[in-house]
């Protein structure tokens, strides 16, 4: 099978490797260089080669973007644009995503290391998110509230204002869509700050939004590091909301910083997600799904089923087959046919995964698959790591409790339903989890008892734009997608009208 072209497109915001200049910031309707002219190399994680050169913005650039978004919101026409017109803009963005699907799939694959097939799935998912909010944009004009005779009372919904959006490196296109689509639907303006190591498809989506008719100043983009380019989004008084998807430590800092101006905060901070396997399931199917849950995108997924909890009766057979199939997974460049796991995103991140694996071994967990870099010399320059399976694990171990965010899965044992629930809830996080059983009643009971934002029964991983996404505990605050995802970007206002006011004479 012929693979599509595996190079980045020639576009104004991405400079050729070796370039000393770039215009990758989008502020007030213009692509521009960073205020100080700085640039950053974006590396291909499959071979550490320079993929492109982009602008490296800083605080002055972010402040300029915030000012543009503030003007567009306060004095522009965008927030007063009819809701059905905002919906049509979202539909046009969806059309453009499908028009450029192949190109964007390649861009996402080269930038993040995932396979082109996964990149295509992301584009389709993002398209569905834009279509969902296009349909929702004009469906909720508010409501009339029951009131005494002579009073008209209604609740209306208005945009929050200027929204800061800080997105992660693992799903740069998808995670931006989850924020951007409802924000546009509600009539907000925004400043986007993607991860500094995977900004390519974020630039592309901003380009498509402009082509779809988004006015200048409504969508602004700054690139750069979190401390330099990202921090003003949580600190600045002219930002009304900050939405962040990423790690717990950074989320805490953003929350503390945002408290100074008492701005709205939405946080999605990952998880350590249980995948519980009861003994009445088809073992072949359960193992198949467990592999996908743990190793899709090389485990760099916030909802990865990285914590298997398997019934004693099938533990040995299950783990033997899991290890056999994990060892057979083909690793390689995401652009090569037949590859199922690409590289990790960076050398720094692979070092973190390797350190976590080493801690697991020190704690007494036993590796039965992977646990090392691949032996293939053709992969030596990239940031590859073999899918890894740990057994002999218990919940006291750091490898069981801490999010690794790599191709690593741990396996614990249980005997009773109550034990399974106790183990599944023994985490500081609460993003998602899976339950595998052919007993419908048991599936419902366990799903109800688990304190996680999404529970899959006899499946793992799918989501729908109409179903809210978010977590309990340290997995974050708020929800994305669904009606709640739109409400994150709206303020409710109560308008009370006295139809026949008369003097009250309270004070004579």
Protein backbone atom coordinates (compact mmCIF):
# COMPACT_ATOMS: atom_id res chain seq x y z
CA UNK A 1 0.00 0.00 0.00
CA UNK A 2 1.32 3.44 -0.93
CA UNK A 3 1.72 5.80 1.98
CA UNK A 4 0.69 9.47 1.63
CA UNK A 5 3.35 12.15 1.35
CA UNK A 6 5.18 12.19 4.67
CA UNK A 7 6.44 15.75 4.74
CA UNK A 8 4.95 18.88 6.19
CA UNK A 9 3.13 21.24 3.82
CA UNK A 10 4.70 24.52 2.77
CA UNK A 11 2.81 27.13 4.77
CA UNK A 12 3.74 30.61 6.04
CA UNK A 13 3.70 29.66 9.71
CA UNK A 14 6.12 26.71 9.47
CA UNK A 15 9.71 27.50 8.45
CA UNK A 16 12.18 25.08 6.89
CA UNK A 17 14.74 23.37 9.13
CA UNK A 18 17.74 25.66 9.60
CA UNK A 19 15.72 28.86 9.23
CA UNK A 20 16.48 31.71 11.61
CA UNK A 21 13.07 33.36 11.27
CA UNK A 22 9.47 32.22 11.66
CA UNK A 23 6.01 33.77 11.75
CA UNK A 24 4.03 31.21 13.76
CA UNK A 25 2.12 33.47 16.17
CA UNK A 26 -1.38 34.48 15.13
CA UNK A 27 -2.48 37.69 16.82
CA UNK A 28 -5.30 40.01 15.79
CA UNK A 29 -5.71 38.36 12.40
CA UNK A 30 -2.02 38.32 11.41
CA UNK A 31 0.74 35.71 11.38
CA UNK A 32 3.78 37.30 13.01
CA UNK A 33 7.18 36.63 14.53
CA UNK A 34 7.84 36.58 18.25
CA UNK A 35 8.52 40.01 19.77
CA UNK A 36 12.22 39.20 20.17
CA UNK A 37 12.56 37.14 16.99
CA UNK A 38 13.27 33.89 18.84
CA UNK A 39 12.56 30.55 17.18
CA UNK A 40 12.35 26.92 18.28
CA UNK A 41 13.23 23.66 16.53
CA UNK A 42 10.41 21.12 16.45
CA UNK A 43 11.82 17.60 16.40
CA UNK A 44 10.48 14.47 14.75
CA UNK A 45 10.28 11.96 17.64
CA UNK A 46 10.88 9.04 15.28
CA UNK A 47 14.47 10.05 14.47
CA UNK A 48 15.22 13.29 16.36
CA UNK A 49 15.56 15.21 13.09
CA UNK A 50 14.37 18.81 12.85
CA UNK A 51 10.86 18.79 11.46
CA UNK A 52 10.27 22.53 11.26
CA UNK A 53 11.11 25.87 12.83
CA UNK A 54 8.45 27.90 14.65
CA UNK A 55 8.33 31.16 16.57
CA UNK A 56 9.14 31.03 20.28
CA UNK A 57 6.89 33.58 21.91
CA UNK A 58 7.01 35.01 25.40
CA UNK A 59 5.05 37.13 27.83
CA UNK A 60 4.85 40.26 25.59
CA UNK A 61 3.39 38.15 22.78
CA UNK A 62 0.79 36.58 25.04
CA UNK A 63 -0.13 39.97 26.45
CA UNK A 64 -0.57 41.29 22.90
CA UNK A 65 -2.80 38.31 22.09
CA UNK A 66 -4.86 38.88 25.26
CA UNK A 67 -5.30 42.53 24.33
CA UNK A 68 -6.48 41.57 20.83
CA UNK A 69 -8.95 39.05 22.25
CA UNK A 70 -10.20 41.61 24.78
CA UNK A 71 -10.82 44.23 22.09
CA UNK A 72 -12.56 41.71 19.86
CA UNK A 73 -14.84 40.71 22.70
CA UNK A 74 -15.57 44.15 24.17
CA UNK A 75 -15.89 46.22 20.99
CA UNK A 76 -16.18 43.70 18.14
CA UNK A 77 -19.29 42.16 16.68
CA UNK A 78 -18.44 38.52 17.34
CA UNK A 79 -20.27 38.01 20.63
CA UNK A 80 -23.32 39.71 19.11
CA UNK A 81 -23.23 37.52 16.00
CA UNK A 82 -26.36 35.39 15.69
CA UNK A 83 -25.93 31.96 17.26
CA UNK A 84 -26.94 30.19 14.05
CA UNK A 85 -24.19 32.06 12.17
CA UNK A 86 -21.62 30.93 14.73
CA UNK A 87 -22.94 27.42 14.12
CA UNK A 88 -22.39 27.83 10.38
CA UNK A 89 -18.78 28.90 11.04
CA UNK A 90 -18.26 25.72 13.05
CA UNK A 91 -19.74 23.66 10.22
CA UNK A 92 -17.36 25.32 7.76
CA UNK A 93 -14.40 24.44 9.99
CA UNK A 94 -15.61 20.82 10.00
CA UNK A 95 -15.83 20.86 6.19
CA UNK A 96 -12.29 22.21 5.90
CA UNK A 97 -10.95 19.57 8.30
CA UNK A 98 -12.32 16.87 6.02
CA UNK A 99 -11.03 18.62 2.91
CA UNK A 100 -7.51 18.59 4.37
CA UNK A 101 -7.84 15.28 6.23
CA UNK A 102 -4.87 13.53 4.63
CA UNK A 103 -2.55 16.50 5.07
CA UNK A 104 -3.52 16.99 8.72
CA UNK A 105 -3.15 13.26 9.48
CA UNK A 106 0.44 13.39 8.25
CA UNK A 107 1.16 16.60 10.18
CA UNK A 108 -0.14 15.05 13.41
CA UNK A 109 1.82 11.86 12.83
CA UNK A 110 5.12 13.63 12.18
CA UNK A 111 4.68 16.02 15.10
CA UNK A 112 3.52 13.59 17.82
CA UNK A 113 4.86 10.24 16.60
CA UNK A 114 1.46 8.53 16.37
CA UNK A 115 0.55 6.56 13.28
CA UNK A 116 -1.00 8.25 10.27
CA UNK A 117 -4.05 6.05 10.84
CA UNK A 118 -4.38 7.41 14.38
CA UNK A 119 -3.95 10.92 13.00
CA UNK A 120 -6.83 10.31 10.63
CA UNK A 121 -9.00 9.06 13.48
CA UNK A 122 -8.19 12.28 15.34
CA UNK A 123 -9.25 14.42 12.38
CA UNK A 124 -12.56 12.57 12.11
CA UNK A 125 -13.16 12.90 15.86
CA UNK A 126 -12.38 16.61 15.75
CA UNK A 127 -14.71 17.05 12.79
CA UNK A 128 -17.51 15.42 14.79
CA UNK A 129 -16.86 17.77 17.73
CA UNK A 130 -17.17 20.85 15.51
CA UNK A 131 -20.34 19.47 13.93
CA UNK A 132 -21.85 18.71 17.34
CA UNK A 133 -21.35 22.24 18.62
CA UNK A 134 -22.45 23.68 15.28
CA UNK A 135 -25.77 21.97 15.90
CA UNK A 136 -25.90 23.05 19.53
CA UNK A 137 -24.97 26.70 19.05
CA UNK A 138 -28.51 28.03 18.57
CA UNK A 139 -30.46 25.44 20.55
CA UNK A 140 -30.50 27.11 23.97
CA UNK A 141 -31.68 30.72 24.05
CA UNK A 142 -32.39 30.55 27.76
CA UNK A 143 -35.55 29.84 29.73
CA UNK A 144 -38.46 31.60 31.34
CA UNK A 145 -38.61 31.12 35.09
CA UNK A 146 -41.89 30.80 37.00
CA UNK A 147 -42.58 34.12 38.74
CA UNK A 148 -45.45 35.97 40.50
CA UNK A 149 -48.09 37.75 38.48
CA UNK A 150 -46.80 41.02 37.08
CA UNK A 151 -43.22 39.77 36.78
CA UNK A 152 -41.39 38.38 33.78
CA UNK A 153 -38.33 36.35 34.78
CA UNK A 154 -35.88 34.71 32.41
CA UNK A 155 -32.40 33.19 32.46
CA UNK A 156 -30.18 33.92 29.45
CA UNK A 157 -26.73 32.61 28.60
CA UNK A 158 -23.86 34.84 27.57
CA UNK A 159 -20.23 34.15 26.61
CA UNK A 160 -17.68 34.15 29.43
CA UNK A 161 -15.38 36.52 27.56
CA UNK A 162 -11.68 36.03 26.84
CA UNK A 163 -10.67 32.38 27.22
CA UNK A 164 -7.13 31.11 27.67
CA UNK A 165 -6.64 27.59 26.29
CA UNK A 166 -3.53 25.59 27.19
CA UNK A 167 -3.34 22.23 25.42
CA UNK A 168 -1.12 19.13 25.80
CA UNK A 169 1.41 17.51 23.50
CA UNK A 170 -0.25 14.10 23.11
CA UNK A 171 -3.47 15.16 21.33
CA UNK A 172 -2.83 18.74 20.22
CA UNK A 173 -5.57 18.82 17.58
CA UNK A 174 -8.22 16.90 19.52
CA UNK A 175 -7.77 18.66 22.85
CA UNK A 176 -7.91 22.08 21.23
CA UNK A 177 -11.16 21.17 19.44
CA UNK A 178 -12.78 20.19 22.74
CA UNK A 179 -12.16 23.75 23.99
CA UNK A 180 -12.32 25.81 20.82
CA UNK A 181 -15.60 24.49 19.37
CA UNK A 182 -17.83 25.22 22.40
CA UNK A 183 -16.05 28.53 22.99
CA UNK A 184 -16.86 29.63 19.43
CA UNK A 185 -20.42 28.35 19.73
CA UNK A 186 -20.94 30.48 22.85
CA UNK A 187 -19.45 33.64 21.29
CA UNK A 188 -16.16 33.92 23.18
CA UNK A 189 -12.76 35.14 22.05
CA UNK A 190 -9.64 33.15 22.85
CA UNK A 191 -5.88 32.89 23.17
CA UNK A 192 -4.49 29.43 22.46
CA UNK A 193 -1.17 28.18 23.86
CA UNK A 194 -0.30 24.64 22.70
CA UNK A 195 2.54 22.52 24.00
CA UNK A 196 5.81 23.95 22.77
CA UNK A 197 6.91 20.57 21.42
CA UNK A 198 3.84 19.72 19.26
CA UNK A 199 2.38 22.96 17.86
CA UNK A 200 2.04 22.02 14.19
CA UNK A 201 -1.64 21.01 13.88
CA UNK A 202 -2.70 23.77 16.26
CA UNK A 203 -1.34 26.27 13.73
CA UNK A 204 -3.24 24.41 11.02
CA UNK A 205 -6.55 24.53 12.91
CA UNK A 206 -6.15 28.28 13.49
CA UNK A 207 -5.54 28.68 9.76
CA UNK A 208 -8.75 26.76 8.99
CA UNK A 209 -10.75 28.79 11.51
CA UNK A 210 -9.65 31.97 9.77
CA UNK A 211 -10.56 30.53 6.37
CA UNK A 212 -13.98 29.61 7.77
CA UNK A 213 -14.71 33.24 8.60
CA UNK A 214 -13.60 33.81 12.18
CA UNK A 215 -13.00 37.59 12.54
CA UNK A 216 -9.63 39.04 13.49
CA UNK A 217 -8.94 38.98 17.22
CA UNK A 218 -11.40 36.22 18.02
CA UNK A 219 -8.88 33.37 17.71
CA UNK A 220 -5.28 34.15 18.71
CA UNK A 221 -2.32 31.80 18.95
CA UNK A 222 0.93 32.07 20.89
CA UNK A 223 3.71 29.48 20.90
CA UNK A 224 6.36 29.10 23.56
CA UNK A 225 7.07 27.55 26.93
CA UNK A 226 4.58 27.39 29.76
CA UNK A 227 6.43 29.79 32.12
CA UNK A 228 7.00 32.37 29.39
CA UNK A 229 4.04 32.18 27.01
CA UNK A 230 1.48 30.26 29.05
CA UNK A 231 1.64 31.85 32.50
CA UNK A 232 -0.06 35.14 31.56
CA UNK A 233 -3.21 33.24 30.61
CA UNK A 234 -3.80 32.30 34.23
CA UNK A 235 -2.45 35.54 35.70
CA UNK A 236 -3.82 38.34 33.52
CA UNK A 237 -6.91 40.19 34.71
CA UNK A 238 -8.24 40.50 31.15
CA UNK A 239 -8.57 36.71 30.80
CA UNK A 240 -11.95 35.55 32.11
CA UNK A 241 -11.43 31.78 31.91
CA UNK A 242 -8.46 29.46 31.60
CA UNK A 243 -8.88 25.88 30.40
CA UNK A 244 -5.91 23.54 30.78
CA UNK A 245 -5.33 19.92 29.85
CA UNK A 246 -2.07 18.41 31.10
CA UNK A 247 -0.21 17.29 34.19
CA UNK A 248 -1.26 17.58 37.81
CA UNK A 249 1.68 19.74 38.93
CA UNK A 250 1.09 22.34 36.22
CA UNK A 251 -2.66 22.25 36.86
CA UNK A 252 -2.09 23.09 40.51
CA UNK A 253 0.07 26.07 39.56
CA UNK A 254 -2.54 27.34 37.11
CA UNK A 255 -5.29 26.98 39.70
CA UNK A 256 -3.29 28.91 42.29
CA UNK A 257 -2.35 31.62 39.80
CA UNK A 258 -5.94 32.00 38.55
CA UNK A 259 -7.15 32.45 42.12
CA UNK A 260 -5.48 35.87 42.26
CA UNK A 261 -8.00 37.25 39.75
CA UNK A 262 -10.75 34.76 40.68
CA UNK A 263 -11.14 33.66 37.07
CA UNK A 264 -13.04 30.56 35.98
CA UNK A 265 -10.82 27.47 35.76
CA UNK A 266 -11.36 24.20 33.88
CA UNK A 267 -8.75 21.48 34.41
CA UNK A 268 -8.28 17.99 32.97
CA UNK A 269 -5.26 16.51 34.72
CA UNK A 270 -5.02 12.88 33.70
CA UNK A 271 -5.62 9.64 35.52
CA UNK A 272 -4.45 6.23 36.65
CA UNK A 273 -7.29 4.28 35.19
CA UNK A 274 -8.42 0.81 36.32
CA UNK A 275 -9.48 -1.84 33.83
CA UNK A 276 -11.23 -4.62 35.78
CA UNK A 277 -11.49 -8.09 34.24
CA UNK A 278 -13.96 -10.60 35.72
CA UNK A 279 -13.53 -14.32 34.97
CA UNK A 280 -16.72 -14.79 32.90
CA UNK A 281 -15.45 -12.85 29.86
CA UNK A 282 -14.04 -14.17 26.59
CA UNK A 283 -10.32 -14.06 27.32
CA UNK A 284 -9.23 -13.41 23.73
CA UNK A 285 -11.50 -10.36 23.44
CA UNK A 286 -10.59 -8.98 26.85
CA UNK A 287 -6.86 -9.25 26.15
CA UNK A 288 -7.32 -7.59 22.78
CA UNK A 289 -9.08 -4.59 24.31
CA UNK A 290 -6.61 -4.45 27.21
CA UNK A 291 -3.76 -4.07 24.73
CA UNK A 292 -5.50 -1.17 22.99
CA UNK A 293 -6.41 0.43 26.31
CA UNK A 294 -2.81 0.37 27.52
CA UNK A 295 -0.73 0.87 24.38
CA UNK A 296 -2.71 3.04 21.95
CA UNK A 297 -0.51 6.05 21.04
CA UNK A 298 2.23 4.27 23.01
CA UNK A 299 0.28 4.76 26.24
CA UNK A 300 0.47 8.56 25.99
CA UNK A 301 -3.24 8.93 26.69
CA UNK A 302 -4.80 10.45 29.82
CA UNK A 303 -7.47 7.74 29.88
CA UNK A 304 -5.13 4.81 29.18
CA UNK A 305 -6.13 1.58 30.90
CA UNK A 306 -2.73 1.35 32.53
CA UNK A 307 -3.91 -0.45 35.68
CA UNK A 308 -5.29 -3.91 34.97
CA UNK A 309 -7.15 -5.60 37.83
CA UNK A 310 -7.68 -9.26 36.91
CA UNK A 311 -9.58 -11.99 38.72
CA UNK A 312 -7.43 -14.72 40.26
CA UNK A 313 -9.13 -17.48 38.26
CA UNK A 314 -7.91 -16.13 34.92
CA UNK A 315 -4.88 -14.09 36.00
CA UNK A 316 -2.16 -16.45 34.78
CA UNK A 317 -3.76 -17.24 31.43
CA UNK A 318 -4.63 -13.59 30.88
CA UNK A 319 -1.18 -12.21 31.66
CA UNK A 320 0.60 -14.90 29.63
CA UNK A 321 -1.41 -14.01 26.55
CA UNK A 322 -1.13 -10.28 27.24
CA UNK A 323 2.66 -10.52 27.41
CA UNK A 324 2.85 -12.63 24.25
CA UNK A 325 0.84 -10.14 22.24
CA UNK A 326 2.64 -7.13 23.74
CA UNK A 327 5.97 -8.55 22.59
CA UNK A 328 4.55 -8.97 19.08
CA UNK A 329 3.48 -5.32 18.68
CA UNK A 330 5.28 -3.71 15.77
CA UNK A 331 7.10 -0.54 16.75
CA UNK A 332 8.31 2.04 14.26
CA UNK A 333 7.76 5.32 12.52
CA UNK A 334 4.14 6.35 12.53
CA UNK A 335 4.30 6.86 8.78
CA UNK A 336 5.28 3.26 8.01
CA UNK A 337 2.73 0.64 7.05
CA UNK A 338 1.86 -1.92 9.71
CA UNK A 339 3.28 0.04 12.66
CA UNK A 340 1.05 -0.07 15.73
CA UNK A 341 3.18 1.87 18.26
CA UNK A 342 5.21 4.94 17.39
CA UNK A 343 7.84 6.70 19.49
CA UNK A 344 7.37 8.58 22.71
CA UNK A 345 7.15 12.31 22.21
CA UNK A 346 10.63 13.32 23.38
CA UNK A 347 13.89 12.07 24.85
CA UNK A 348 12.98 13.74 28.14
CA UNK A 349 9.65 11.97 28.32
CA UNK A 350 11.20 8.58 27.51
CA UNK A 351 13.67 9.13 30.35
CA UNK A 352 10.71 9.69 32.71
CA UNK A 353 9.09 6.45 31.54
CA UNK A 354 12.34 4.55 32.00
CA UNK A 355 12.71 5.97 35.52
CA UNK A 356 9.18 4.85 36.36
CA UNK A 357 9.90 1.32 35.10
CA UNK A 358 13.08 1.21 37.18
CA UNK A 359 11.10 2.23 40.29
CA UNK A 360 8.60 -0.53 39.57
CA UNK A 361 11.36 -3.13 39.50
CA UNK A 362 12.84 -1.74 42.73
CA UNK A 363 9.42 -2.04 44.39
CA UNK A 364 9.21 -5.74 43.51
CA UNK A 365 7.02 -5.72 40.42
CA UNK A 366 8.09 -8.18 37.74
CA UNK A 367 8.41 -7.42 34.03
CA UNK A 368 7.05 -10.11 31.71
CA UNK A 369 7.15 -8.08 28.48
CA UNK A 370 9.14 -5.08 27.28
CA UNK A 371 10.84 -2.96 29.87
CA UNK A 372 13.48 -1.65 27.48
CA UNK A 373 14.17 0.19 24.26
CA UNK A 374 13.79 -1.83 21.06
CA UNK A 375 16.87 -3.62 19.73
CA UNK A 376 16.29 -2.58 16.10
CA UNK A 377 19.22 -0.30 15.14
CA UNK A 378 16.99 1.55 12.67
CA UNK A 379 15.01 2.88 15.62
CA UNK A 380 18.01 3.92 17.71
CA UNK A 381 17.76 7.64 16.94
CA UNK A 382 14.07 7.87 17.84
CA UNK A 383 12.42 7.94 21.26
CA UNK A 384 11.05 4.40 21.18
CA UNK A 385 10.19 2.17 24.13
CA UNK A 386 8.77 -1.31 24.07
CA UNK A 387 5.26 -2.03 25.41
CA UNK A 388 5.82 -3.15 28.99
CA UNK A 389 3.78 -5.46 31.24
CA UNK A 390 4.29 -5.65 35.01
CA UNK A 391 2.87 -8.44 37.21
CA UNK A 392 3.16 -9.15 40.95
CA UNK A 393 1.88 -5.61 41.54
CA UNK A 394 -0.03 -4.24 44.49
CA UNK A 395 -1.65 -0.91 45.22
CA UNK A 396 1.11 0.25 47.56
CA UNK A 397 3.52 0.56 44.64
CA UNK A 398 4.33 3.86 42.98
CA UNK A 399 4.18 2.17 39.56
CA UNK A 400 0.52 1.33 40.31
CA UNK A 401 -0.49 4.72 41.73
CA UNK A 402 1.46 7.24 39.62
CA UNK A 403 0.55 8.08 36.04
CA UNK A 404 3.43 6.92 33.82
CA UNK A 405 2.00 8.21 30.52
CA UNK A 406 3.83 5.65 28.47
CA UNK A 407 3.48 2.07 27.18
CA UNK A 408 3.42 0.52 30.64
CA UNK A 409 0.62 -1.54 32.20
CA UNK A 410 0.50 -3.06 35.68
CA UNK A 411 -1.55 -6.10 36.69
CA UNK A 412 -3.12 -6.66 40.11
CA UNK A 413 -5.25 -9.56 41.33
CA UNK A 414 -8.66 -9.66 42.97
CA UNK A 415 -11.04 -12.32 44.25
CA UNK A 416 -14.41 -10.66 44.96
CA UNK A 417 -16.50 -7.93 43.38
CA UNK A 418 -16.06 -5.81 46.48
CA UNK A 419 -12.28 -6.14 46.24
CA UNK A 420 -12.35 -5.11 42.59
CA UNK A 421 -14.33 -1.97 43.42
CA UNK A 422 -12.05 -1.14 46.33
CA UNK A 423 -8.96 -1.46 44.15
CA UNK A 424 -10.53 0.49 41.29
CA UNK A 425 -11.31 3.40 43.59
CA UNK A 426 -7.93 3.33 45.36
CA UNK A 427 -6.45 6.23 43.42
CA UNK A 428 -6.09 9.97 43.80
CA UNK A 429 -7.44 10.31 40.27
CA UNK A 430 -10.84 9.51 38.82
CA UNK A 431 -10.87 10.06 35.08
CA UNK A 432 -12.01 6.75 33.58
CA UNK A 433 -12.16 3.01 34.02
CA UNK A 434 -13.26 -0.23 32.42
CA UNK A 435 -15.29 -3.22 33.59
CA UNK A 436 -15.34 -6.54 31.74
CA UNK A 437 -18.08 -9.04 32.61
CA UNK A 438 -20.89 -10.94 30.91
CA UNK A 439 -23.09 -10.42 33.96
CA UNK A 440 -25.22 -7.38 33.16
CA UNK A 441 -26.18 -6.76 36.78
CA UNK A 442 -22.59 -6.92 37.93
CA UNK A 443 -21.51 -4.56 35.19
CA UNK A 444 -24.10 -2.02 36.29
CA UNK A 445 -23.21 -2.39 39.97
CA UNK A 446 -19.49 -1.95 39.45
CA UNK A 447 -19.94 0.94 37.02
CA UNK A 448 -22.13 2.70 39.59
CA UNK A 449 -19.64 2.10 42.41
CA UNK A 450 -16.52 3.33 40.60
CA UNK A 451 -15.69 7.00 41.23
CA UNK A 452 -14.52 7.91 37.75
CA UNK A 453 -15.89 10.30 35.14
CA UNK A 454 -16.27 7.72 32.37
CA UNK A 455 -16.83 3.98 32.79
CA UNK A 456 -16.74 1.59 29.85
CA UNK A 457 -18.43 -1.78 30.25
CA UNK A 458 -17.06 -4.44 27.88
CA UNK A 459 -15.18 -1.82 25.90
CA UNK A 460 -12.44 0.74 26.44
CA UNK A 461 -11.74 4.16 24.98
CA UNK A 462 -14.63 5.41 22.82
CA UNK A 463 -16.14 8.80 23.48
CA UNK A 464 -18.90 10.85 21.88
CA UNK A 465 -19.07 14.64 21.47
CA UNK A 466 -22.47 14.58 23.20
CA UNK A 467 -21.20 12.79 26.33
CA UNK A 468 -19.44 14.84 28.99
CA UNK A 469 -15.77 14.12 29.65
CA UNK A 470 -13.86 14.83 32.86
CA UNK A 471 -12.89 13.31 36.14
CA UNK A 472 -13.25 13.06 39.88
CA UNK A 473 -10.57 13.89 42.44
CA UNK A 474 -7.21 14.99 41.08
CA UNK A 475 -8.29 14.32 37.52
CA UNK A 476 -9.53 17.89 37.40
CA UNK A 477 -12.37 20.37 37.58
CA UNK A 478 -15.27 20.76 35.16
CA UNK A 479 -16.33 18.84 32.09
CA UNK A 480 -15.58 19.03 28.39
CA UNK A 481 -17.92 17.89 25.60
CA UNK A 482 -21.69 17.55 25.83
CA UNK A 483 -23.98 20.28 27.17
CA UNK A 484 -21.67 20.79 30.15
CA UNK A 485 -18.79 21.45 27.77
CA UNK A 486 -20.76 24.36 26.31
CA UNK A 487 -21.74 25.62 29.77
CA UNK A 488 -18.04 25.93 30.69
CA UNK A 489 -17.89 28.81 28.20
CA UNK A 490 -21.14 30.55 29.20
CA UNK A 491 -22.35 32.72 32.04
CA UNK A 492 -25.97 32.46 33.21
CA UNK A 493 -27.73 35.79 33.73
CA UNK A 494 -31.10 36.21 35.43
CA UNK A 495 -33.19 39.07 33.99
CA UNK A 496 -36.12 40.11 36.23
CA UNK A 497 -38.68 42.53 34.83
CA UNK A 498 -41.43 44.10 36.90
CA UNK A 499 -44.27 44.66 34.41
CA UNK A 500 -46.20 47.14 36.57
CA UNK A 501 -43.95 48.79 39.16
CA UNK A 502 -45.63 50.80 41.91
CA UNK A 503 -44.21 52.64 44.92
CA UNK A 504 -43.37 50.28 47.81
CA UNK A 505 -43.28 52.99 50.55
CA UNK A 506 -40.84 50.85 52.56
CA UNK A 507 -39.14 53.97 53.86
CA UNK A 508 -42.22 56.12 53.91
